[in-house]
Amino acid sequence: MFKKNICRLIVSITKIILPLLARVFIKLRVNKRIINFLNNKSDTSNNRYNFSHVISDLLQNQKLNAIDVGAQGGFNSEYFFPYKYNIFFEPILVEPIKAEAEKLKKKYKYVIDSGLWSSQVKKEIFILGNRLGSSSMYKPDESSFKIYNLGQKNIESFKITNTLEVNCITMNDALKKINIKKIQYLKLDTQGSELEILKGMDDFRPLLIRIEVQIFAMYKNIPSWTKLVNFLDELGYMVCEWRKIGSHLTRTAAEMDMIFIPNYRSEKGKTLIKENENKFISLMLIFGQLKLLKHISKELNLNLAKKINDFDDRYFF
């Protein structure tokens, strides 16, 4: 009781001083910087928990098959989720630039060194030698750079330094070649090719999909981000999170990481979750989706471990 009263007092004091602090921050021109900092801390606030023992019990020595398309630097190299959970994944890395693929083959069991597309076809990759990770099958669109608030040095790094012809196959064919029958996690970061790659999934249905989405296209002729969202909606997925990437002149993010899970309110989504219950729960814990996981578990009567209910979702604090 005493602790609750103290918390209420702190909340009341905070409500009084926040408007005053906001005025000071705006005067100092640091208001947005502080908001962005707090938003980032909120996005990753559940990382302080360690669900490794729970996940181990759920998976029973099974691995979560994870296909990482746009895998330069290695699996989860940007630490989108805590590194401590990497051990629960069997990474399948896709890297069509041969020199980069060879580096990955020294560390990972599964490396696909072909490009992925909606059909078997030859495509050209436009290599950006000064920022290799931004190379794409689409040419950069200089007219969009200012929306991204890019400085001159960054703009110059988008110059095409080379082109590379690569053989592309569908994700379905690529996974069958290495005898992978199911995937649980899909990450796409391919600078515009995401929709074409998704069209090549065929019957593969990941339990969680993370996609880097450009709201304002940075490359010429890439499909609108709304087509990508609509495509996944038709497959029975829903958006559960997005995180803005980088700077922008607009009041909404120009680019973001979007997280999709099966839509538990649709028959397709319910079936996918129920047939892969333990792996779905494991992924939701790894990505810190606690409050939503508890809700879905009640709706679908999932066997969620009781001890998980003791953890509050710190994102909503």
Protein backbone atom coordinates (compact mmCIF):
# COMPACT_ATOMS: atom_id res chain seq x y z
CA MET A 1 0.00 0.00 0.00
CA PHE A 2 2.81 2.39 0.96
CA LYS A 3 4.62 1.65 -2.31
CA LYS A 4 1.45 2.36 -4.34
CA ASN A 5 0.95 5.69 -2.56
CA ILE A 6 4.55 6.69 -3.28
CA CYS A 7 4.11 5.79 -6.95
CA ARG A 8 0.91 7.86 -7.15
CA LEU A 9 2.70 10.83 -5.59
CA ILE A 10 5.56 10.57 -8.07
CA VAL A 11 3.08 10.38 -10.97
CA SER A 12 1.26 13.48 -9.70
CA ILE A 13 4.50 15.44 -9.36
CA THR A 14 5.62 14.30 -12.81
CA LYS A 15 2.36 15.57 -14.35
CA ILE A 16 3.03 18.98 -12.85
CA ILE A 17 6.67 19.34 -13.91
CA LEU A 18 6.46 17.77 -17.38
CA PRO A 19 4.80 20.79 -19.05
CA LEU A 20 7.47 23.04 -17.54
CA LEU A 21 10.26 20.75 -18.72
CA ALA A 22 8.73 20.62 -22.20
CA ARG A 23 8.92 24.41 -22.46
CA VAL A 24 12.57 24.34 -21.41
CA PHE A 25 13.40 21.54 -23.89
CA ILE A 26 11.67 23.40 -26.74
CA LYS A 27 13.57 26.57 -25.85
CA LEU A 28 16.83 24.61 -25.93
CA ARG A 29 15.75 22.85 -29.18
CA VAL A 30 16.24 19.38 -27.70
CA ASN A 31 12.57 18.44 -27.24
CA LYS A 32 12.37 16.05 -30.21
CA ARG A 33 15.75 14.54 -29.44
CA ILE A 34 14.60 13.68 -25.92
CA ILE A 35 11.30 12.27 -27.22
CA ASN A 36 13.16 10.07 -29.72
CA PHE A 37 15.49 8.87 -26.97
CA LEU A 38 12.56 7.95 -24.72
CA ASN A 39 10.72 6.26 -27.60
CA ASN A 40 13.77 4.12 -28.32
CA LYS A 41 14.04 3.19 -24.64
CA SER A 42 10.34 2.30 -24.67
CA ASP A 43 10.72 0.09 -27.77
CA THR A 44 13.44 -1.95 -26.09
CA SER A 45 12.18 -1.73 -22.50
CA ASN A 46 11.31 -5.44 -22.25
CA ASN A 47 14.87 -6.40 -23.15
CA ARG A 48 15.74 -6.27 -19.46
CA TYR A 49 13.76 -9.48 -18.94
CA ASN A 50 15.34 -12.85 -19.64
CA PHE A 51 12.89 -15.45 -20.93
CA SER A 52 15.58 -17.94 -21.95
CA HIS A 53 14.47 -20.65 -19.50
CA VAL A 54 10.83 -20.30 -20.54
CA ILE A 55 11.76 -20.44 -24.23
CA SER A 56 13.97 -23.49 -23.65
CA ASP A 57 11.04 -25.29 -22.04
CA LEU A 58 8.77 -24.32 -24.92
CA LEU A 59 11.11 -25.32 -27.74
CA GLN A 60 12.49 -28.51 -26.18
CA ASN A 61 15.80 -28.29 -28.10
CA GLN A 62 14.06 -27.36 -31.37
CA LYS A 63 15.31 -24.34 -33.28
CA LEU A 64 13.37 -21.47 -34.82
CA ASN A 65 14.17 -21.44 -38.54
CA ALA A 66 14.99 -17.84 -39.44
CA ILE A 67 15.55 -16.61 -42.99
CA ASP A 68 17.44 -13.32 -43.10
CA VAL A 69 17.28 -11.64 -46.52
CA GLY A 70 19.73 -8.77 -46.61
CA ALA A 71 22.11 -10.42 -44.18
CA GLN A 72 25.30 -8.42 -44.48
CA GLY A 73 27.08 -8.42 -41.12
CA GLY A 74 25.41 -11.64 -39.99
CA PHE A 75 22.23 -12.69 -38.24
CA ASN A 76 20.70 -10.08 -35.92
CA SER A 77 23.81 -7.96 -36.38
CA GLU A 78 21.88 -4.79 -35.54
CA TYR A 79 20.58 -6.35 -32.27
CA PHE A 80 16.93 -5.73 -33.09
CA PHE A 81 16.20 -8.26 -30.36
CA PRO A 82 18.63 -9.18 -27.55
CA TYR A 83 21.68 -11.20 -28.56
CA LYS A 84 21.02 -13.68 -25.73
CA TYR A 85 18.18 -15.16 -27.81
CA ASN A 86 20.28 -15.87 -30.92
CA ILE A 87 20.94 -19.40 -29.65
CA PHE A 88 17.29 -20.33 -30.25
CA PHE A 89 17.51 -19.72 -34.02
CA GLU A 90 18.77 -21.68 -37.00
CA PRO A 91 19.78 -18.77 -39.28
CA ILE A 92 19.38 -19.07 -43.07
CA LEU A 93 21.16 -16.10 -44.61
CA VAL A 94 20.55 -14.76 -48.11
CA GLU A 95 23.34 -12.72 -49.68
CA PRO A 96 23.59 -12.51 -53.50
CA ILE A 97 26.87 -10.54 -53.51
CA LYS A 98 29.34 -13.43 -53.73
CA ALA A 99 32.20 -11.82 -51.80
CA GLU A 100 29.87 -11.06 -48.90
CA ALA A 101 28.28 -14.51 -49.08
CA GLU A 102 31.70 -16.16 -48.77
CA LYS A 103 32.32 -14.27 -45.54
CA LEU A 104 29.03 -15.54 -44.13
CA LYS A 105 29.72 -19.14 -45.17
CA LYS A 106 32.68 -19.22 -42.80
CA LYS A 107 30.33 -18.74 -39.85
CA TYR A 108 26.88 -20.05 -40.80
CA LYS A 109 25.58 -23.45 -41.88
CA TYR A 110 22.99 -22.12 -44.35
CA VAL A 111 23.90 -19.33 -46.77
CA ILE A 112 21.94 -18.80 -49.98
CA ASP A 113 24.08 -16.92 -52.48
CA SER A 114 21.35 -16.35 -55.07
CA GLY A 115 19.01 -13.39 -55.24
CA LEU A 116 15.36 -13.89 -54.29
CA TRP A 117 12.44 -12.78 -56.47
CA SER A 118 8.89 -13.80 -57.35
CA SER A 119 10.13 -16.05 -60.18
CA GLN A 120 13.33 -17.52 -61.59
CA VAL A 121 14.95 -14.60 -63.40
CA LYS A 122 18.21 -12.71 -63.88
CA LYS A 123 18.30 -9.32 -62.16
CA GLU A 124 20.81 -6.53 -61.91
CA ILE A 125 22.03 -5.28 -58.53
CA PHE A 126 23.15 -1.66 -58.39
CA ILE A 127 26.15 -1.70 -56.08
CA LEU A 128 26.72 1.28 -53.79
CA GLY A 129 30.37 0.78 -52.90
CA ASN A 130 30.36 3.49 -50.24
CA ARG A 131 27.36 1.97 -48.43
CA LEU A 132 27.18 -1.64 -49.54
CA GLY A 133 24.18 -2.46 -47.37
CA SER A 134 22.06 0.00 -49.38
CA SER A 135 22.73 -1.74 -52.71
CA SER A 136 19.49 -2.66 -54.47
CA MET A 137 17.85 -4.11 -57.55
CA TYR A 138 16.41 -0.61 -57.99
CA LYS A 139 18.31 2.60 -58.74
CA PRO A 140 18.46 5.23 -55.97
CA ASP A 141 16.02 8.11 -56.46
CA GLU A 142 17.88 11.36 -55.77
CA SER A 143 14.62 13.33 -55.70
CA SER A 144 13.68 11.63 -52.41
CA PHE A 145 16.94 12.21 -50.54
CA LYS A 146 15.91 15.55 -49.02
CA ILE A 147 12.82 13.94 -47.44
CA TYR A 148 15.27 11.74 -45.56
CA ASN A 149 17.14 14.83 -44.39
CA LEU A 150 20.39 13.47 -45.83
CA GLY A 151 23.50 15.61 -45.74
CA GLN A 152 25.71 16.00 -48.80
CA LYS A 153 28.15 13.31 -47.63
CA ASN A 154 25.34 10.77 -47.27
CA ILE A 155 23.86 11.76 -50.63
CA GLU A 156 27.19 11.12 -52.34
CA SER A 157 27.37 7.66 -50.75
CA PHE A 158 24.32 6.65 -52.80
CA LYS A 159 26.24 6.84 -56.07
CA ILE A 160 26.24 3.59 -58.03
CA THR A 161 29.82 2.30 -58.24
CA ASN A 162 29.18 -0.99 -60.02
CA THR A 163 26.46 -3.31 -61.33
CA LEU A 164 26.19 -7.05 -60.80
CA GLU A 165 23.98 -9.54 -62.63
CA VAL A 166 22.63 -12.25 -60.33
CA ASN A 167 20.47 -15.32 -60.78
CA CYS A 168 17.28 -15.05 -58.74
CA ILE A 169 14.99 -17.85 -57.56
CA THR A 170 11.91 -17.87 -55.35
CA MET A 171 12.13 -18.22 -51.60
CA ASN A 172 10.14 -21.42 -51.91
CA ASP A 173 12.68 -22.98 -54.29
CA ALA A 174 15.67 -21.71 -52.30
CA LEU A 175 14.41 -23.26 -49.06
CA LYS A 176 13.47 -26.55 -50.69
CA LYS A 177 17.00 -26.85 -52.09
CA ILE A 178 18.40 -26.91 -48.56
CA ASN A 179 15.56 -29.13 -47.29
CA ILE A 180 13.91 -26.51 -45.08
CA LYS A 181 10.20 -27.31 -44.75
CA LYS A 182 9.07 -24.50 -42.43
CA ILE A 183 10.29 -21.09 -41.34
CA GLN A 184 9.24 -19.29 -38.19
CA TYR A 185 10.95 -15.92 -38.58
CA LEU A 186 11.47 -13.89 -41.76
CA LYS A 187 13.48 -10.69 -41.95
CA LEU A 188 13.52 -8.64 -45.17
CA ASP A 189 15.81 -5.67 -45.71
CA THR A 190 16.36 -5.46 -49.46
CA GLN A 191 15.82 -1.81 -50.40
CA GLY A 192 12.61 -2.22 -52.37
CA SER A 193 12.49 -5.92 -53.36
CA GLU A 194 10.45 -7.03 -50.36
CA LEU A 195 7.10 -7.45 -52.12
CA GLU A 196 8.56 -9.49 -54.99
CA ILE A 197 10.33 -11.74 -52.49
CA LEU A 198 7.13 -12.27 -50.49
CA LYS A 199 5.32 -13.32 -53.66
CA GLY A 200 7.81 -16.18 -53.94
CA MET A 201 7.03 -17.63 -50.48
CA ASP A 202 4.28 -19.88 -51.87
CA ASP A 203 3.06 -21.99 -48.92
CA PHE A 204 5.72 -20.91 -46.41
CA ARG A 205 4.06 -18.99 -43.56
CA PRO A 206 6.40 -17.44 -40.95
CA LEU A 207 5.08 -16.77 -37.46
CA LEU A 208 6.75 -13.37 -37.31
CA ILE A 209 7.92 -11.16 -40.16
CA ARG A 210 10.11 -8.09 -39.85
CA ILE A 211 10.35 -5.86 -42.92
CA GLU A 212 12.16 -2.59 -43.55
CA VAL A 213 9.56 -0.43 -45.28
CA GLN A 214 10.08 2.84 -47.13
CA ILE A 215 7.05 5.09 -46.72
CA PHE A 216 8.69 7.55 -49.12
CA ALA A 217 10.47 5.51 -51.78
CA MET A 218 14.23 6.05 -51.77
CA TYR A 219 14.63 3.99 -54.95
CA LYS A 220 13.02 4.38 -58.37
CA ASN A 221 9.94 2.35 -59.30
CA ILE A 222 9.67 0.30 -56.11
CA PRO A 223 6.13 -0.83 -55.21
CA SER A 224 4.20 1.34 -52.78
CA TRP A 225 4.50 0.24 -49.15
CA THR A 226 0.71 -0.02 -49.02
CA LYS A 227 0.82 -2.84 -51.58
CA LEU A 228 3.17 -4.76 -49.31
CA VAL A 229 0.90 -4.31 -46.29
CA ASN A 230 -2.18 -5.27 -48.32
CA PHE A 231 -0.43 -8.37 -49.66
CA LEU A 232 0.37 -9.57 -46.15
CA ASP A 233 -3.16 -8.72 -45.00
CA GLU A 234 -4.50 -11.02 -47.72
CA LEU A 235 -2.20 -13.78 -46.46
CA GLY A 236 -3.67 -13.39 -42.96
CA TYR A 237 -1.11 -11.16 -41.22
CA MET A 238 -1.46 -8.02 -39.11
CA VAL A 239 0.97 -5.27 -38.11
CA CYS A 240 1.80 -5.29 -34.41
CA GLU A 241 4.69 -2.80 -34.26
CA TRP A 242 6.70 -0.32 -36.24
CA ARG A 243 9.88 1.51 -35.36
CA LYS A 244 11.04 4.55 -37.24
CA ILE A 245 14.43 4.51 -38.93
CA GLY A 246 16.66 7.53 -39.38
CA SER A 247 15.85 11.18 -39.89
CA HIS A 248 13.12 12.78 -42.00
CA LEU A 249 11.49 16.11 -42.83
CA THR A 250 7.97 14.75 -42.42
CA ARG A 251 6.11 14.38 -39.13
CA THR A 252 5.84 10.66 -39.71
CA ALA A 253 8.71 8.28 -40.34
CA ALA A 254 9.97 8.14 -43.92
CA GLU A 255 11.26 4.61 -43.29
CA MET A 256 10.45 2.06 -40.61
CA ASP A 257 10.84 -1.51 -39.45
CA MET A 258 7.41 -3.16 -39.40
CA ILE A 259 6.59 -6.33 -37.48
CA PHE A 260 3.84 -8.64 -38.75
CA ILE A 261 2.30 -11.63 -36.99
CA PRO A 262 -0.59 -13.93 -37.97
CA ASN A 263 -3.89 -12.10 -37.52
CA TYR A 264 -5.37 -13.99 -34.58
CA ARG A 265 -8.85 -12.67 -35.46
CA SER A 266 -8.87 -14.40 -38.85
CA GLU A 267 -9.23 -18.13 -39.45
CA LYS A 268 -5.90 -18.24 -41.30
CA GLY A 269 -4.11 -16.53 -38.45
CA LYS A 270 -5.77 -18.57 -35.71
CA THR A 271 -4.87 -21.83 -37.42
CA LEU A 272 -1.25 -20.81 -37.98
CA ILE A 273 -0.81 -19.78 -34.36
CA LYS A 274 -2.56 -22.82 -32.88
CA GLU A 275 -0.57 -25.26 -35.03
CA ASN A 276 2.71 -23.65 -33.92
CA GLU A 277 1.76 -22.52 -30.42
CA ASN A 278 5.06 -22.93 -28.58
CA LYS A 279 7.15 -21.38 -31.34
CA PHE A 280 4.76 -18.45 -31.67
CA ILE A 281 4.92 -17.78 -27.92
CA SER A 282 8.72 -18.02 -28.04
CA LEU A 283 8.99 -15.44 -30.83
CA MET A 284 6.59 -13.04 -29.11
CA LEU A 285 8.71 -13.24 -25.95
CA ILE A 286 11.94 -12.70 -27.89
CA PHE A 287 10.48 -9.59 -29.55
CA GLY A 288 9.06 -8.28 -26.28
CA GLN A 289 5.38 -8.41 -27.30
CA LEU A 290 4.16 -9.25 -23.79
CA LYS A 291 0.84 -7.46 -23.52
CA LEU A 292 -0.33 -8.56 -26.95
CA LEU A 293 0.83 -12.12 -26.29
CA LYS A 294 -1.23 -12.28 -23.08
CA HIS A 295 -4.28 -11.00 -24.95
CA ILE A 296 -3.90 -13.46 -27.84
CA SER A 297 -3.36 -16.29 -25.36
CA LYS A 298 -6.69 -15.53 -23.70
CA GLU A 299 -8.49 -15.18 -27.01
CA LEU A 300 -7.13 -18.45 -28.42
CA ASN A 301 -6.76 -20.30 -25.12
CA LEU A 302 -3.01 -20.82 -25.56
CA ASN A 303 -1.00 -22.67 -22.95
CA LEU A 304 0.91 -19.62 -21.74
CA ALA A 305 3.19 -20.35 -18.79
CA LYS A 306 1.74 -18.85 -15.60
CA LYS A 307 5.05 -17.23 -14.69
CA ILE A 308 4.85 -15.02 -17.77
CA ASN A 309 1.81 -13.32 -16.27
CA ASP A 310 4.08 -12.00 -13.51
CA PHE A 311 5.92 -9.83 -16.06
CA ASP A 312 4.45 -6.45 -16.95
CA ASP A 313 4.93 -5.04 -20.43
CA ARG A 314 7.27 -2.13 -19.75
CA TYR A 315 6.52 -0.57 -23.14
CA PHE A 316 3.26 0.74 -21.66
CA PHE A 317 4.82 2.23 -18.49
